[in-house]
Amino acid sequence: EAVSTALGVSRSPIREALVVLSREGLIELTPRRGASVVQLTREDIIDHYALFAVVAGRAAAMAAESLDEVRLAELRAVHERFTVENLENLENLQQLNQAFHRIINLAAPRRTRWLLGHLERSVPANYFEFADGWNRVAVDHHLAILEAIVAGDPERARSAMEGHLLESGRAAAAQLDARGFFDAGPDQNT
């Protein structure tokens, strides 16, 4: 009721939003008691990235089998721009990172792309600002992914992509830990 009053909307859309957030595991609904924000753990963060890695690895394997020369050239060009001399321009790096993964993800079927989009939207969007030094690591990871795709090696592409995202999860959890996120109470994590 307080949320509906504060937002100036009826209670029905608030209830619907709470159900959606509950399905996504972000809040816990308790009948006749209300809703509370779920406190994320290190394991939750790492598990999320592990799931993301499996789906993205599948897309990378498909890309290794199906990208034509035009798409391979695009992937190479994006990676060339995603190099050490561009590491200080964080906004540019974020765009290049998205472009690199988008080219790969477009090789996957529609349903896989939908799931990848959902998983991607639920991790930090400004990852290069968020995880210290990750930009330098990502250059090497992207090169390994690119080489496997260009070689047409689906298993190596899958493995490289999965490793990339698993390391991303560990880096994200480490950064959150360093910022005291896991030590804070549930009201302080939102």
Protein backbone atom coordinates (compact mmCIF):
# COMPACT_ATOMS: atom_id res chain seq x y z
CA GLU A 1 0.00 0.00 0.00
CA ALA A 2 2.85 2.40 0.85
CA VAL A 3 4.52 1.72 -2.51
CA SER A 4 1.31 2.26 -4.45
CA THR A 5 0.73 5.55 -2.61
CA ALA A 6 4.31 6.70 -3.15
CA LEU A 7 4.15 5.91 -6.87
CA GLY A 8 0.60 7.08 -7.37
CA VAL A 9 -0.60 3.81 -8.88
CA SER A 10 -3.07 1.18 -7.80
CA ARG A 11 -1.99 -1.85 -5.79
CA SER A 12 -2.56 -4.31 -8.66
CA PRO A 13 0.53 -3.35 -10.74
CA ILE A 14 2.59 -3.32 -7.54
CA ARG A 15 1.44 -6.88 -6.73
CA GLU A 16 2.20 -7.99 -10.29
CA ALA A 17 5.68 -6.46 -10.13
CA LEU A 18 6.34 -8.20 -6.81
CA VAL A 19 5.34 -11.55 -8.33
CA VAL A 20 7.73 -11.00 -11.25
CA LEU A 21 10.56 -10.00 -8.90
CA SER A 22 9.83 -13.07 -6.80
CA ARG A 23 10.04 -15.34 -9.86
CA GLU A 24 13.39 -13.77 -10.65
CA GLY A 25 14.61 -14.56 -7.15
CA LEU A 26 15.13 -10.94 -6.18
CA ILE A 27 12.49 -10.76 -3.47
CA GLU A 28 10.80 -13.25 -1.18
CA LEU A 29 7.04 -13.10 -0.80
CA THR A 30 5.54 -14.19 2.51
CA PRO A 31 1.76 -14.60 2.47
CA ARG A 32 -0.01 -12.00 4.63
CA ARG A 33 3.36 -10.59 5.73
CA GLY A 34 4.72 -8.83 2.68
CA ALA A 35 7.86 -8.92 0.60
CA SER A 36 11.53 -8.66 1.45
CA VAL A 37 14.64 -8.22 -0.68
CA VAL A 38 16.68 -11.41 -0.99
CA GLN A 39 20.25 -10.94 0.14
CA LEU A 40 22.67 -12.14 -2.52
CA THR A 41 25.64 -14.26 -1.50
CA ARG A 42 29.01 -14.80 -3.17
CA GLU A 43 27.70 -18.17 -4.28
CA ASP A 44 24.64 -16.56 -5.88
CA ILE A 45 26.84 -14.26 -7.96
CA ILE A 46 29.21 -17.02 -9.04
CA ASP A 47 26.31 -19.38 -9.78
CA HIS A 48 24.62 -16.75 -11.94
CA TYR A 49 27.78 -16.31 -14.01
CA ALA A 50 28.22 -20.10 -14.21
CA LEU A 51 24.75 -20.42 -15.73
CA PHE A 52 25.47 -17.50 -18.04
CA ALA A 53 28.72 -19.27 -19.04
CA VAL A 54 26.91 -22.45 -20.05
CA VAL A 55 24.48 -20.63 -22.33
CA ALA A 56 27.13 -18.27 -23.76
CA GLY A 57 29.44 -21.25 -24.29
CA ARG A 58 26.71 -22.89 -26.36
CA ALA A 59 26.42 -19.73 -28.47
CA ALA A 60 30.20 -19.60 -28.96
CA ALA A 61 30.26 -23.23 -30.10
CA MET A 62 27.51 -22.44 -32.62
CA ALA A 63 29.43 -19.39 -33.79
CA ALA A 64 32.52 -21.53 -34.39
CA GLU A 65 30.44 -23.76 -36.65
CA SER A 66 28.39 -21.15 -38.47
CA LEU A 67 29.91 -17.66 -38.69
CA ASP A 68 30.64 -16.70 -42.27
CA GLU A 69 33.65 -14.70 -43.40
CA VAL A 70 31.77 -11.40 -43.11
CA ARG A 71 30.87 -12.03 -39.46
CA LEU A 72 34.36 -13.35 -38.70
CA ALA A 73 35.82 -10.15 -40.15
CA GLU A 74 33.46 -8.10 -37.96
CA LEU A 75 34.50 -10.10 -34.89
CA ARG A 76 38.19 -9.61 -35.70
CA ALA A 77 37.67 -5.86 -36.23
CA VAL A 78 35.88 -5.47 -32.89
CA HIS A 79 38.63 -7.39 -31.14
CA GLU A 80 41.33 -5.25 -32.82
CA ARG A 81 39.69 -2.16 -31.34
CA PHE A 82 39.42 -3.93 -27.97
CA THR A 83 43.14 -3.70 -27.39
CA VAL A 84 45.54 -2.30 -24.86
CA GLU A 85 45.55 1.21 -26.35
CA ASN A 86 41.80 1.49 -25.78
CA LEU A 87 41.80 0.16 -22.23
CA GLU A 88 41.45 3.54 -20.59
CA ASN A 89 38.25 4.51 -22.42
CA LEU A 90 35.79 2.54 -20.28
CA GLU A 91 32.67 3.58 -22.17
CA ASN A 92 34.22 2.55 -25.47
CA LEU A 93 35.33 -0.76 -23.95
CA GLN A 94 31.83 -1.51 -22.74
CA GLN A 95 30.45 -0.91 -26.23
CA LEU A 96 33.17 -3.04 -27.82
CA ASN A 97 32.58 -5.82 -25.30
CA GLN A 98 28.86 -5.81 -26.11
CA ALA A 99 29.58 -5.79 -29.86
CA PHE A 100 31.99 -8.74 -29.53
CA HIS A 101 29.48 -10.83 -27.60
CA ARG A 102 26.55 -9.73 -29.80
CA ILE A 103 28.24 -11.04 -32.96
CA ILE A 104 28.80 -14.39 -31.26
CA ASN A 105 25.35 -14.54 -29.69
CA LEU A 106 23.61 -13.87 -33.00
CA ALA A 107 24.82 -17.29 -34.16
CA ALA A 108 22.53 -18.92 -31.59
CA PRO A 109 18.83 -19.73 -32.08
CA ARG A 110 16.23 -17.19 -30.98
CA ARG A 111 15.41 -18.88 -27.66
CA THR A 112 19.07 -19.09 -26.68
CA ARG A 113 19.52 -15.42 -27.58
CA TRP A 114 16.52 -14.54 -25.40
CA LEU A 115 18.02 -16.41 -22.44
CA LEU A 116 21.41 -14.79 -22.99
CA GLY A 117 19.77 -11.36 -23.01
CA HIS A 118 17.95 -12.12 -19.78
CA LEU A 119 21.13 -13.36 -18.09
CA GLU A 120 23.14 -10.41 -19.42
CA ARG A 121 20.66 -7.82 -18.15
CA SER A 122 20.90 -9.21 -14.65
CA VAL A 123 24.65 -8.60 -14.25
CA PRO A 124 26.37 -5.22 -13.88
CA ALA A 125 26.20 -3.24 -17.13
CA ASN A 126 29.31 -1.20 -16.35
CA TYR A 127 31.51 -4.21 -15.71
CA PHE A 128 34.76 -2.56 -16.83
CA GLU A 129 34.33 0.17 -14.23
CA PHE A 130 33.13 -2.31 -11.64
CA ALA A 131 35.93 -4.90 -11.67
CA ASP A 132 39.43 -3.48 -11.29
CA GLY A 133 41.77 -4.68 -14.02
CA TRP A 134 39.14 -6.82 -15.71
CA ASN A 135 39.54 -4.92 -18.98
CA ARG A 136 43.11 -6.26 -19.44
CA VAL A 137 42.04 -9.82 -18.64
CA ALA A 138 39.10 -9.58 -21.05
CA VAL A 139 41.42 -8.73 -23.96
CA ASP A 140 43.21 -12.07 -23.52
CA HIS A 141 39.97 -13.97 -22.98
CA HIS A 142 38.39 -12.46 -26.08
CA LEU A 143 41.47 -13.38 -28.12
CA ALA A 144 41.18 -17.03 -27.04
CA ILE A 145 37.46 -17.03 -27.93
CA LEU A 146 38.16 -15.36 -31.28
CA GLU A 147 40.93 -17.81 -32.18
CA ALA A 148 38.73 -20.81 -31.40
CA ILE A 149 35.83 -19.44 -33.45
CA VAL A 150 38.08 -18.56 -36.41
CA ALA A 151 39.58 -22.07 -36.24
CA GLY A 152 36.07 -23.50 -36.41
CA ASP A 153 36.64 -25.40 -33.16
CA PRO A 154 33.30 -25.46 -31.30
CA GLU A 155 34.55 -27.22 -28.17
CA ARG A 156 37.48 -24.84 -27.73
CA ALA A 157 35.14 -21.86 -28.35
CA ARG A 158 32.71 -23.21 -25.76
CA SER A 159 35.48 -23.76 -23.24
CA ALA A 160 37.04 -20.33 -23.81
CA MET A 161 33.69 -18.56 -23.43
CA GLU A 162 32.75 -20.55 -20.34
CA GLY A 163 36.14 -19.79 -18.77
CA HIS A 164 35.76 -16.10 -19.60
CA LEU A 165 32.39 -15.83 -17.88
CA LEU A 166 33.34 -17.99 -14.90
CA GLU A 167 36.30 -15.70 -14.29
CA SER A 168 33.94 -12.74 -14.69
CA GLY A 169 31.77 -14.13 -11.93
CA ARG A 170 34.71 -14.63 -9.62
CA ALA A 171 35.92 -11.09 -10.35
CA ALA A 172 32.45 -9.66 -9.71
CA ALA A 173 32.15 -11.53 -6.41
CA ALA A 174 35.64 -10.38 -5.38
CA GLN A 175 34.78 -6.74 -6.16
CA LEU A 176 31.52 -6.93 -4.23
CA ASP A 177 33.37 -8.54 -1.34
CA ALA A 178 36.04 -5.81 -1.39
CA ARG A 179 33.28 -3.20 -1.21
CA GLY A 180 31.73 -4.88 1.82
CA PHE A 181 28.58 -5.92 -0.01
CA PHE A 182 28.37 -9.36 1.60
CA ASP A 183 29.07 -7.99 5.08
CA ALA A 184 26.23 -5.48 4.93
CA GLY A 185 22.76 -6.17 6.23
CA PRO A 186 19.91 -6.74 3.76
CA ASP A 187 18.72 -3.14 3.98
CA GLN A 188 22.19 -1.85 3.03
CA ASN A 189 22.60 -3.98 -0.12
CA THR A 190 19.84 -2.38 -2.15
